[in-house]
Amino acid sequence: MHFLVTRPIDDADGLADKLRLRGHKVTVDPLLSIEFYPEAPVTRTGLQALLVTSANGLRAVLGRSDFPEWLKLPLFAVGPTTAAMARQAGFVHVYEASGDVVALTQLVKQELATDGGPLLHIAGTVSAGDLKGALKTEGFWVERVVLYEARAAEALSPETVEGLRGGAIRAVLLYSKRSAEIFADLCAQAGLQSALFKVNAYCLSANAAAPLQGVGLQAIHIASAPNETDLLALID
């Protein structure tokens, strides 16, 4: 099958390789580009732990000049991909949730005390879910710092438009609600609505699938758990 990979470029290449190893063709067309703010002021004093809800949040930390100091903190990762990156980067105490903010909130509740000090959530300008709000309800003190911005693409690439219009691209992978919204909007902008009836969407979660209802896709498939391993298992 010919897949459209829409992830930001740092994540897209690895995903494309996994699909090619499975015998699929791949077109990479990132719907989001990432701009990091590595030197934004952040206070680590007294922090109990670091909360990271995306691989880009972790990359923002890795790019800071004071990065070695961050390694002293326990790190709570939203899912296995981010957790693996954190371990590879040198974090010793890494706690791994199953892929979404709900699971991360539960993990923090299990492992940390509300009176143990503030938690720092590394975030982008747009976040999926309200981690700070969920943990505040449980009695935790959470600070949220924005260290990156995910900017939406203004148009699909000519290769993507040709592949969708001609029927070569038969599937698209979407990891977030925002990327699904951008995909739907840019397909409409390119006049591709009538071509989507041949296309299957493979989504990381029900949240990511929600904007695709009524778009006219052949089918929408949702991973059994919100992580890449389960999404690839769904494809297999």
Foldseek 3Di string as FASTA:
>chain_A
DEEEEAAEPVPRVVVCVVVVVVVYHYDYWHQWYKDFQLPDDDDPPQAAAEEEEDLVLVVSLVPHPPNVVNLVGAYEYQADVSQVVNVVSRRDHYHHFHADLVRSLVSCVVPDDQPSGAYEYEAAPDDDDDNCVSNVVVNHHYDYDHTMYIDGDPATDPVVLCCQQVVVHAEYEWEALVSLLSVLVRCVVSVRLVSQLRHEYQYLAVRNCVVVPPSNHVYYHYFPTNDPVSSVVVVD
